[in-house]
C-alpha atoms as a PDB file:
ATOM      1  CA  MET A   1       1.533  72.853 -26.470  1.00  0.00           C
ATOM      2  CA  PRO A   2       2.349  71.454 -23.034  1.00  0.00           C
ATOM      3  CA  ASP A   3       4.744  68.494 -22.594  1.00  0.00           C
ATOM      4  CA  TRP A   4       2.720  66.195 -20.519  1.00  0.00           C
ATOM      5  CA  ASN A   5       5.734  63.725 -20.158  1.00  0.00           C
ATOM      6  CA  SER A   6       7.180  65.990 -17.639  1.00  0.00           C
ATOM      7  CA  ARG A   7       6.379  65.710 -13.866  1.00  0.00           C
ATOM      8  CA  LEU A   8       6.652  67.399 -10.728  1.00  0.00           C
ATOM      9  CA  ALA A   9       9.664  66.552  -8.380  1.00  0.00           C
ATOM     10  CA  VAL A  10       9.800  67.122  -4.797  1.00  0.00           C
ATOM     11  CA  SER A  11      13.131  67.147  -2.831  1.00  0.00           C
ATOM     12  CA  TRP A  12      14.101  67.987   0.642  1.00  0.00           C
ATOM     13  CA  GLN A  13      17.391  69.455   1.693  1.00  0.00           C
ATOM     14  CA  ASP A  14      19.149  69.159   4.861  1.00  0.00           C
ATOM     15  CA  ALA A  15      22.786  69.446   6.193  1.00  0.00           C
ATOM     16  CA  ALA A  16      23.709  66.264   4.304  1.00  0.00           C
ATOM     17  CA  GLY A  17      22.527  67.459   1.110  1.00  0.00           C
ATOM     18  CA  SER A  18      19.528  67.110  -1.280  1.00  0.00           C
ATOM     19  CA  HIS A  19      17.277  64.088  -1.096  1.00  0.00           C
ATOM     20  CA  LEU A  20      14.597  63.275  -3.688  1.00  0.00           C
ATOM     21  CA  ILE A  21      11.200  62.180  -2.599  1.00  0.00           C
ATOM     22  CA  THR A  22       9.660  59.877  -5.075  1.00  0.00           C
ATOM     23  CA  PRO A  23       7.136  58.623  -5.927  1.00  0.00           C
ATOM     24  CA  ILE A  24       4.756  61.030  -4.558  1.00  0.00           C
ATOM     25  CA  ASP A  25       1.075  60.437  -4.234  1.00  0.00           C
ATOM     26  CA  SER A  26       0.131  63.949  -3.455  1.00  0.00           C
ATOM     27  CA  PHE A  27       1.722  67.293  -2.418  1.00  0.00           C
ATOM     28  CA  THR A  28      -0.567  70.225  -1.477  1.00  0.00           C
ATOM     29  CA  PRO A  29       0.892  73.421  -0.415  1.00  0.00           C
ATOM     30  CA  SER A  30      -1.507  76.137   1.122  1.00  0.00           C
ATOM     31  CA  PHE A  31      -0.775  79.744   1.351  1.00  0.00           C
ATOM     32  CA  SER A  32      -3.062  81.881   3.608  1.00  0.00           C
ATOM     33  CA  LEU A  33      -2.566  85.689   2.880  1.00  0.00           C
ATOM     34  CA  SER A  34      -5.375  87.134   4.952  1.00  0.00           C
ATOM     35  CA  THR A  35      -6.190  90.682   4.366  1.00  0.00           C
ATOM     36  CA  GLU A  36      -9.050  92.492   5.625  1.00  0.00           C
ATOM     37  CA  VAL A  37     -10.770  95.812   4.672  1.00  0.00           C
ATOM     38  CA  LEU A  38     -10.665  98.606   7.263  1.00  0.00           C
ATOM     39  CA  HIS A  39     -13.873 100.536   7.659  1.00  0.00           C
ATOM     40  CA  SER A  40     -14.721 103.338  10.132  1.00  0.00           C
ATOM     41  CA  ILE A  41     -17.954 105.214  11.271  1.00  0.00           C
ATOM     42  CA  GLU A  42     -17.110 108.051   8.805  1.00  0.00           C
ATOM     43  CA  ALA A  43     -16.152 106.168   5.855  1.00  0.00           C
ATOM     44  CA  THR A  44     -15.828 102.677   4.242  1.00  0.00           C
ATOM     45  CA  HIS A  45     -12.749 100.986   2.697  1.00  0.00           C
ATOM     46  CA  ILE A  46     -10.438 103.429   4.183  1.00  0.00           C
ATOM     47  CA  GLY A  47      -7.440 100.974   4.579  1.00  0.00           C
ATOM     48  CA  VAL A  48      -6.272  97.226   4.886  1.00  0.00           C
ATOM     49  CA  VAL A  49      -5.339  95.210   7.818  1.00  0.00           C
ATOM     50  CA  GLN A  50      -2.974  92.394   6.874  1.00  0.00           C
ATOM     51  CA  SER A  51      -2.665  89.392   9.138  1.00  0.00           C
ATOM     52  CA  PRO A  52       0.513  87.358   9.249  1.00  0.00           C
ATOM     53  CA  LYS A  53       0.933  84.921   6.305  1.00  0.00           C
ATOM     54  CA  SER A  54       0.560  81.100   6.910  1.00  0.00           C
ATOM     55  CA  ILE A  55       2.230  78.429   4.783  1.00  0.00           C
ATOM     56  CA  THR A  56       1.242  74.839   5.277  1.00  0.00           C
ATOM     57  CA  PHE A  57       1.650  71.821   3.278  1.00  0.00           C
ATOM     58  CA  SER A  58       0.399  68.063   3.237  1.00  0.00           C
ATOM     59  CA  LEU A  59       2.659  65.398   1.525  1.00  0.00           C
ATOM     60  CA  SER A  60       1.728  61.791   0.916  1.00  0.00           C
ATOM     61  CA  VAL A  61       4.215  59.030  -0.104  1.00  0.00           C
ATOM     62  CA  LYS A  62       4.045  55.236  -0.177  1.00  0.00           C
ATOM     63  CA  ALA A  63       5.347  53.749   2.967  1.00  0.00           C
ATOM     64  CA  ILE A  64       7.874  51.623   1.175  1.00  0.00           C
ATOM     65  CA  GLY A  65      11.428  52.858   0.672  1.00  0.00           C
ATOM     66  CA  ASP A  66      13.445  55.644   2.114  1.00  0.00           C
ATOM     67  CA  SER A  67      11.299  58.674   1.766  1.00  0.00           C
ATOM     68  CA  ALA A  68       8.690  57.778   4.513  1.00  0.00           C
ATOM     69  CA  ALA A  69      11.279  56.738   6.879  1.00  0.00           C
ATOM     70  CA  GLN A  70      13.411  59.932   6.321  1.00  0.00           C
ATOM     71  CA  LEU A  71      10.263  62.159   6.700  1.00  0.00           C
ATOM     72  CA  THR A  72       9.274  60.332   9.959  1.00  0.00           C
ATOM     73  CA  SER A  73      12.914  60.830  11.195  1.00  0.00           C
ATOM     74  CA  LEU A  74      12.595  64.678  10.479  1.00  0.00           C
ATOM     75  CA  ALA A  75       9.206  64.708  12.218  1.00  0.00           C
ATOM     76  CA  LEU A  76      10.361  62.928  15.284  1.00  0.00           C
ATOM     77  CA  ALA A  77      13.559  64.986  15.600  1.00  0.00           C
ATOM     78  CA  GLY A  78      11.824  68.153  14.930  1.00  0.00           C
ATOM     79  CA  THR A  79      14.381  68.984  12.313  1.00  0.00           C
ATOM     80  CA  PRO A  80      13.677  71.806  10.001  1.00  0.00           C
ATOM     81  CA  PHE A  81      14.037  71.070   6.364  1.00  0.00           C
ATOM     82  CA  ASP A  82      13.366  72.765   2.860  1.00  0.00           C
ATOM     83  CA  LEU A  83      10.750  71.377   0.235  1.00  0.00           C
ATOM     84  CA  ILE A  84      11.337  72.358  -3.460  1.00  0.00           C
ATOM     85  CA  VAL A  85       8.693  71.588  -5.907  1.00  0.00           C
ATOM     86  CA  GLN A  86       9.961  71.973  -9.509  1.00  0.00           C
ATOM     87  CA  GLU A  87       9.590  70.505 -12.898  1.00  0.00           C
ATOM     88  CA  ASN A  88      11.506  67.349 -13.776  1.00  0.00           C
ATOM     89  CA  ASP A  89      12.948  66.848 -17.254  1.00  0.00           C
ATOM     90  CA  GLY A  90      12.371  70.400 -18.331  1.00  0.00           C
ATOM     91  CA  GLY A  91       8.855  70.045 -19.433  1.00  0.00           C
ATOM     92  CA  PHE A  92       6.196  72.854 -19.928  1.00  0.00           C
ATOM     93  CA  ALA A  93       3.341  71.435 -18.066  1.00  0.00           C
ATOM     94  CA  TRP A  94       3.625  73.556 -14.916  1.00  0.00           C
ATOM     95  CA  SER A  95       3.424  77.374 -14.494  1.00  0.00           C
ATOM     96  CA  PHE A  96       6.388  77.627 -12.115  1.00  0.00           C
ATOM     97  CA  VAL A  97      10.210  77.049 -12.537  1.00  0.00           C
ATOM     98  CA  LYS A  98      10.073  76.205  -8.685  1.00  0.00           C
ATOM     99  CA  VAL A  99       8.250  76.736  -5.445  1.00  0.00           C
ATOM    100  CA  LEU A 100      10.662  76.592  -2.448  1.00  0.00           C
ATOM    101  CA  LEU A 101       9.388  76.251   1.156  1.00  0.00           C
ATOM    102  CA  ARG A 102      12.070  76.938   3.579  1.00  0.00           C
ATOM    103  CA  SER A 103      12.394  76.005   7.231  1.00  0.00           C
ATOM    104  CA  CYS A 104       9.699  73.304   7.032  1.00  0.00           C
ATOM    105  CA  TYR A 105       8.489  71.484  10.254  1.00  0.00           C
ATOM    106  CA  ILE A 106       6.316  68.388  10.384  1.00  0.00           C
ATOM    107  CA  THR A 107       3.295  68.671  12.649  1.00  0.00           C
ATOM    108  CA  SER A 108       1.662  65.356  12.066  1.00  0.00           C
ATOM    109  CA  ALA A 109       2.307  62.006  10.381  1.00  0.00           C
ATOM    110  CA  THR A 110      -0.381  59.686   9.652  1.00  0.00           C
ATOM    111  CA  PRO A 111       0.385  56.287   8.189  1.00  0.00           C
ATOM    112  CA  THR A 112      -2.338  54.110   6.743  1.00  0.00           C
ATOM    113  CA  ASN A 113      -2.873  50.362   7.749  1.00  0.00           C
ATOM    114  CA  ALA A 114      -1.059  47.826   5.972  1.00  0.00           C
ATOM    115  CA  THR A 115      -3.300  45.638   3.762  1.00  0.00           C
ATOM    116  CA  ILE A 116      -3.145  42.514   1.763  1.00  0.00           C
ATOM    117  CA  SER A 117      -3.318  44.446  -1.604  1.00  0.00           C
ATOM    118  CA  GLY A 118      -1.573  47.638  -2.360  1.00  0.00           C
ATOM    119  CA  ALA A 119       1.160  49.455  -0.545  1.00  0.00           C
ATOM    120  CA  PRO A 120       0.470  51.473   2.688  1.00  0.00           C
ATOM    121  CA  SER A 121       0.958  55.262   2.414  1.00  0.00           C
ATOM    122  CA  ALA A 122       1.873  58.013   4.852  1.00  0.00           C
ATOM    123  CA  THR A 123       0.675  61.519   4.968  1.00  0.00           C
ATOM    124  CA  PHE A 124       2.846  64.267   6.509  1.00  0.00           C
ATOM    125  CA  SER A 125       1.473  67.795   7.360  1.00  0.00           C
ATOM    126  CA  GLY A 126       3.401  70.654   8.441  1.00  0.00           C
ATOM    127  CA  PHE A 127       4.218  74.328   8.210  1.00  0.00           C
ATOM    128  CA  SER A 128       6.906  76.501   6.511  1.00  0.00           C
ATOM    129  CA  LEU A 129       8.484  79.540   7.882  1.00  0.00           C
ATOM    130  CA  ALA A 130       9.242  81.146   4.359  1.00  0.00           C
ATOM    131  CA  ALA A 131       8.428  80.609   0.820  1.00  0.00           C
ATOM    132  CA  GLU A 132       9.674  81.589  -2.599  1.00  0.00           C
ATOM    133  CA  ALA A 133       7.935  81.124  -5.903  1.00  0.00           C
ATOM    134  CA  GLU A 134       9.650  81.581  -9.379  1.00  0.00           C
ATOM    135  CA  PRO A 135       6.987  81.711 -12.172  1.00  0.00           C
ATOM    136  CA  LYS A 136       8.011  81.014 -15.803  1.00  0.00           C
ATOM    137  CA  THR A 137       7.013  84.375 -16.725  1.00  0.00           C
ATOM    138  CA  GLY A 138       6.967  87.323 -14.357  1.00  0.00           C
ATOM    139  CA  SER A 139       9.002  88.329 -11.220  1.00  0.00           C
ATOM    140  CA  SER A 140       9.975  86.011  -8.444  1.00  0.00           C
ATOM    141  CA  VAL A 141       8.307  86.494  -4.969  1.00  0.00           C
ATOM    142  CA  SER A 142       9.107  85.485  -1.517  1.00  0.00           C
ATOM    143  CA  ILE A 143       7.395  85.356   1.903  1.00  0.00           C
ATOM    144  CA  PRO A 144       9.539  86.909   4.244  1.00  0.00           C
END
């Protein structure tokens, strides 16, 4: 039975150490692993053409506290960082032990308007040059 008391934690690492990003409104990684079947005049399905892999992400946080300010500083400085998504408190609600996006760069930051009710949020989008996934069962995989 899954332990729904656990939650996913996202942290980023730089030269100064590890920093926790919490609370997180949303985190959406995207892996584009394009492959195309190769045909010829003589035969079909004679091979595969693989395009370069693409790893992107979108991360939304409340624009209160240090997380939004730290991510904005990383974006403005063009500083690479690592994003780690892993279970917190050792629960069983997720299929992975961890997903690591290495050498991440933020390409856009979009804060929301401040309103009378509720806290504003900021959405950060970017890409990663490498990734690693460690499932609970099976072998770990990495892109490059």
